[in-house]
Every structure is written in C-alpha cells, then in structure tokens.
Protein backbone atom coordinates (compact mmCIF):
# COMPACT_ATOMS: atom_id res chain seq x y z
CA MET A 1 -0.06 0.00 -0.01
CA THR A 2 1.09 3.54 -0.72
CA HIS A 3 1.14 6.01 2.16
CA ASN A 4 -1.80 8.32 2.12
CA PRO A 5 -1.50 11.17 4.55
CA THR A 6 -5.26 11.87 4.61
CA ARG A 7 -6.07 8.40 5.96
CA PRO A 8 -5.67 7.72 9.66
CA ARG A 9 -2.80 5.59 10.55
CA ILE A 10 -2.57 2.80 13.01
CA VAL A 11 0.92 1.55 14.13
CA VAL A 12 1.43 -1.98 15.13
CA GLY A 13 4.55 -3.50 16.60
CA VAL A 14 5.67 -6.44 14.51
CA SER A 15 7.97 -9.37 14.96
CA HIS A 16 7.70 -13.05 14.27
CA SER A 17 6.12 -13.88 17.75
CA PRO A 18 2.53 -15.04 18.10
CA THR A 19 1.80 -12.06 20.17
CA ALA A 20 2.68 -9.69 17.34
CA ILE A 21 0.71 -11.73 14.76
CA THR A 22 -2.35 -11.51 17.14
CA ALA A 23 -1.74 -7.76 17.42
CA LEU A 24 -1.47 -7.55 13.68
CA ARG A 25 -4.76 -9.34 13.09
CA TRP A 26 -6.44 -6.98 15.58
CA ALA A 27 -5.09 -3.92 13.92
CA LEU A 28 -5.96 -5.18 10.50
CA GLU A 29 -9.67 -5.43 11.64
CA GLU A 30 -9.61 -1.99 13.32
CA ALA A 31 -7.98 -0.63 10.01
CA ARG A 32 -10.77 -1.93 8.05
CA LEU A 33 -13.47 -0.47 10.36
CA ARG A 34 -11.80 3.02 10.46
CA GLY A 35 -10.53 3.16 6.88
CA ALA A 36 -7.08 3.43 8.28
CA GLN A 37 -3.73 2.19 7.07
CA ILE A 38 -1.34 0.16 9.04
CA LEU A 39 2.29 1.06 9.55
CA PRO A 40 4.00 -2.07 10.82
CA VAL A 41 7.19 -1.26 12.95
CA HIS A 42 9.81 -3.67 13.93
CA ALA A 43 12.60 -2.61 16.10
CA TRP A 44 15.84 -4.52 16.10
CA GLN A 45 19.34 -4.39 17.63
CA TRP A 46 22.53 -5.73 16.43
CA SER A 47 23.65 -8.82 18.46
CA GLY A 48 27.37 -8.23 17.48
CA GLN A 49 27.81 -5.75 20.40
CA HIS A 50 26.92 -8.30 22.85
CA ARG A 51 29.02 -11.24 21.53
CA ALA A 52 31.92 -12.66 23.46
CA SER A 53 35.15 -12.16 22.09
CA TYR A 54 35.91 -16.02 22.24
CA ALA A 55 32.49 -16.90 20.39
CA PRO A 56 33.10 -18.74 16.99
CA MET A 57 33.38 -16.30 14.21
CA GLY A 58 31.20 -18.48 12.03
CA THR A 59 28.20 -17.52 14.23
CA TRP A 60 28.62 -13.93 13.93
CA ARG A 61 26.43 -11.94 11.52
CA SER A 62 27.16 -8.37 10.22
CA HIS A 63 24.98 -5.42 11.10
CA GLU A 64 23.89 -5.36 7.44
CA GLU A 65 23.16 -9.26 7.54
CA GLU A 66 21.02 -8.83 10.65
CA TYR A 67 19.36 -5.73 9.28
CA ALA A 68 18.41 -7.69 6.08
CA ALA A 69 17.06 -10.64 8.21
CA ALA A 70 15.01 -8.25 10.36
CA ARG A 71 13.61 -6.52 7.28
CA GLU A 72 12.64 -9.94 5.74
CA ARG A 73 11.04 -11.16 8.93
CA ALA A 74 8.92 -7.98 9.03
CA ARG A 75 7.92 -8.32 5.38
CA GLY A 76 6.92 -11.92 5.87
CA VAL A 77 4.72 -11.18 8.91
CA VAL A 78 2.72 -8.42 6.90
CA ALA A 79 2.79 -10.11 3.39
CA GLY A 80 -0.66 -10.37 1.91
CA HIS A 81 -2.26 -7.70 3.89
CA PRO A 82 -3.02 -4.80 1.56
CA ALA A 83 -3.95 -2.30 4.53
CA CYS A 84 -0.14 -2.57 5.49
CA LEU A 85 2.36 -0.07 4.37
CA GLU A 86 5.95 -1.13 3.86
CA PRO A 87 7.14 -2.18 7.39
CA VAL A 88 9.47 0.13 9.14
CA VAL A 89 12.56 -1.62 10.39
CA ALA A 90 14.43 0.54 12.71
CA HIS A 91 17.52 -0.06 14.97
CA GLY A 92 17.11 0.63 18.59
CA PRO A 93 15.49 -0.37 21.91
CA PRO A 94 11.77 -1.43 20.89
CA ALA A 95 9.96 1.16 23.08
CA GLN A 96 11.98 3.99 21.71
CA VAL A 97 11.39 3.06 18.10
CA LEU A 98 7.70 2.39 18.65
CA LEU A 99 7.09 5.68 20.34
CA ARG A 100 9.20 7.55 17.71
CA HIS A 101 6.93 6.07 14.96
CA CYS A 102 3.51 6.44 16.70
CA GLN A 103 3.94 10.25 17.01
CA ASP A 104 1.08 11.29 14.74
CA ALA A 105 -0.80 7.80 14.69
CA GLU A 106 -4.18 7.46 15.59
CA MET A 107 -3.32 4.39 17.81
CA LEU A 108 -0.53 1.98 18.69
CA VAL A 109 -1.33 -1.76 18.80
CA LEU A 110 0.86 -4.18 20.71
CA GLY A 111 0.71 -7.88 21.64
CA ILE A 112 1.14 -9.41 24.89
CA ARG A 113 1.22 -13.15 25.91
CA ARG A 114 -1.57 -14.28 28.17
CA PRO A 115 -0.15 -16.69 30.73
CA GLU A 116 -1.69 -19.85 31.86
CA PRO A 117 -5.06 -19.83 33.51
CA GLY A 118 -5.07 -18.33 37.03
CA VAL A 119 -1.75 -16.51 36.60
CA PRO A 120 -2.10 -12.67 36.38
CA VAL A 121 -1.13 -11.01 33.01
CA THR A 122 1.92 -9.04 33.49
CA ALA A 123 3.04 -6.22 31.11
CA THR A 124 6.36 -6.34 29.61
CA PRO A 125 8.82 -3.26 29.96
CA VAL A 126 8.10 -2.33 26.21
CA VAL A 127 4.38 -2.25 26.93
CA VAL A 128 4.62 -0.32 29.99
CA ALA A 129 7.03 2.39 28.34
CA CYS A 130 4.64 2.59 25.40
CA VAL A 131 1.49 3.09 27.51
CA MET A 132 3.21 5.64 29.58
CA GLY A 133 4.82 7.34 26.64
CA ALA A 134 2.71 7.37 23.79
CA ARG A 135 0.70 10.47 22.64
CA CYS A 136 -1.95 8.17 21.29
CA PRO A 137 -4.11 5.57 22.65
CA VAL A 138 -2.37 2.23 22.83
CA VAL A 139 -4.26 -1.02 22.56
CA VAL A 140 -2.63 -4.11 24.23
CA VAL A 141 -4.00 -7.30 22.54
CA SER A 142 -3.38 -10.56 24.40
CA CYS A 143 -2.74 -13.98 22.83
CA GLY A 144 -1.83 -17.30 24.30
CA ALA A 145 -2.98 -19.83 26.95
CA ALA A 146 -6.58 -18.81 27.22
CA PRO A 147 -9.02 -19.26 24.33
CA GLU A 148 -9.76 -16.30 22.17
CA PRO A 149 -13.08 -14.57 22.71
CA ALA A 150 -15.76 -15.08 20.37
CA VAL A 151 -16.43 -11.35 20.10
CA ARG A 152 -13.54 -9.00 19.38
CA PRO A 153 -13.11 -6.39 22.16
CA ARG A 154 -13.58 -2.76 21.31
CA PRO A 155 -10.95 -0.26 22.86
CA ALA A 156 -12.29 1.86 25.64
CA GLY A 157 -12.83 5.43 24.71
CA LEU A 158 -13.62 8.65 26.54
CA THR A 159 -16.92 9.02 24.68
CA GLY A 160 -19.62 9.66 27.31
CA VAL A 161 -17.17 9.50 30.40
CA ALA A 162 -17.78 12.31 32.81
CA THR A 163 -14.54 13.73 34.41
CA GLY A 164 -14.38 16.13 37.13
C-alpha cells in the first residue's frame, strides 16, 4: 500500500512472535473499520555488540546481515495484507522505536502473551513504556494460553465518560 497522509494511521509493533501476529490481526480489523492504513514497525538491535570475543566467528552476522534478516521477517509477517504499508525496520530499543513512529498515529497496537489460566497478566517493559509515553491510545492485545474470545473487544474510549 502507498502512504496516504489523509487516511488515519495505526502503528502496530511486529515481530515473528505469536503475540505480534495477534496484534496485527486485531489492527487489520480495526483498520478496516476505520478506513485506516497500518504502519508495521519492527525494532531490532545488532547482536554483535553483545557477543563474547571467544564466540566462534562463524556464528557472527554483520550489522547489514542482521538488518536484512529483520527486514525480511517484518515483510513476511505483513505479506498479503493490503492495508499494511511497507514495514519500518528501525534499529534501537523497541519502546523508543515504537514511540518515535507513533507520534502522529491514531493508535498504537501491541501484543502481549496471556499466561496460563489463574496467573495474572504482567505487562512487559516495552508495553509499559509505550502505554506511559505514547501520545496516542495504546491497545494491548493478548494471545496465548486462554482461548480467544468469540467477540472482538473494542478499545475503551472517553466518549460519554464524565470527568471532574
């Protein structure tokens, strides 16, 4: 899809994880309802800076190789979804990358793993940082151990809420 600045934009954090796939599915449906386009964002960090000097050289990948692999993973996740723009693959800590790219978005959608039944859901540091730092609403979609609900939840809004 080509970027259209007049259409609302939903940013979704993508990776190859099941939580990111669930978040993307939710965002795709929300984009359809809102007539929005989706900007998939994948953050990555080069592993070479954390390698032990004694690690076998054959296991090392260059910065460029890791970037290319991250780009291909992100493209693979969004392939076949026409509402998605070309994925942004940005180097840096995930929360910083996501916050930078959702500055003018209508919403940010993230996935979180639901633990086994009876165990409370715990937000990851990335989710907490995005919820606390985003200028737009953040929707956190859970996936995992518990069955998916038959009805897709709508994000809570402030419509009709009295403040004071």
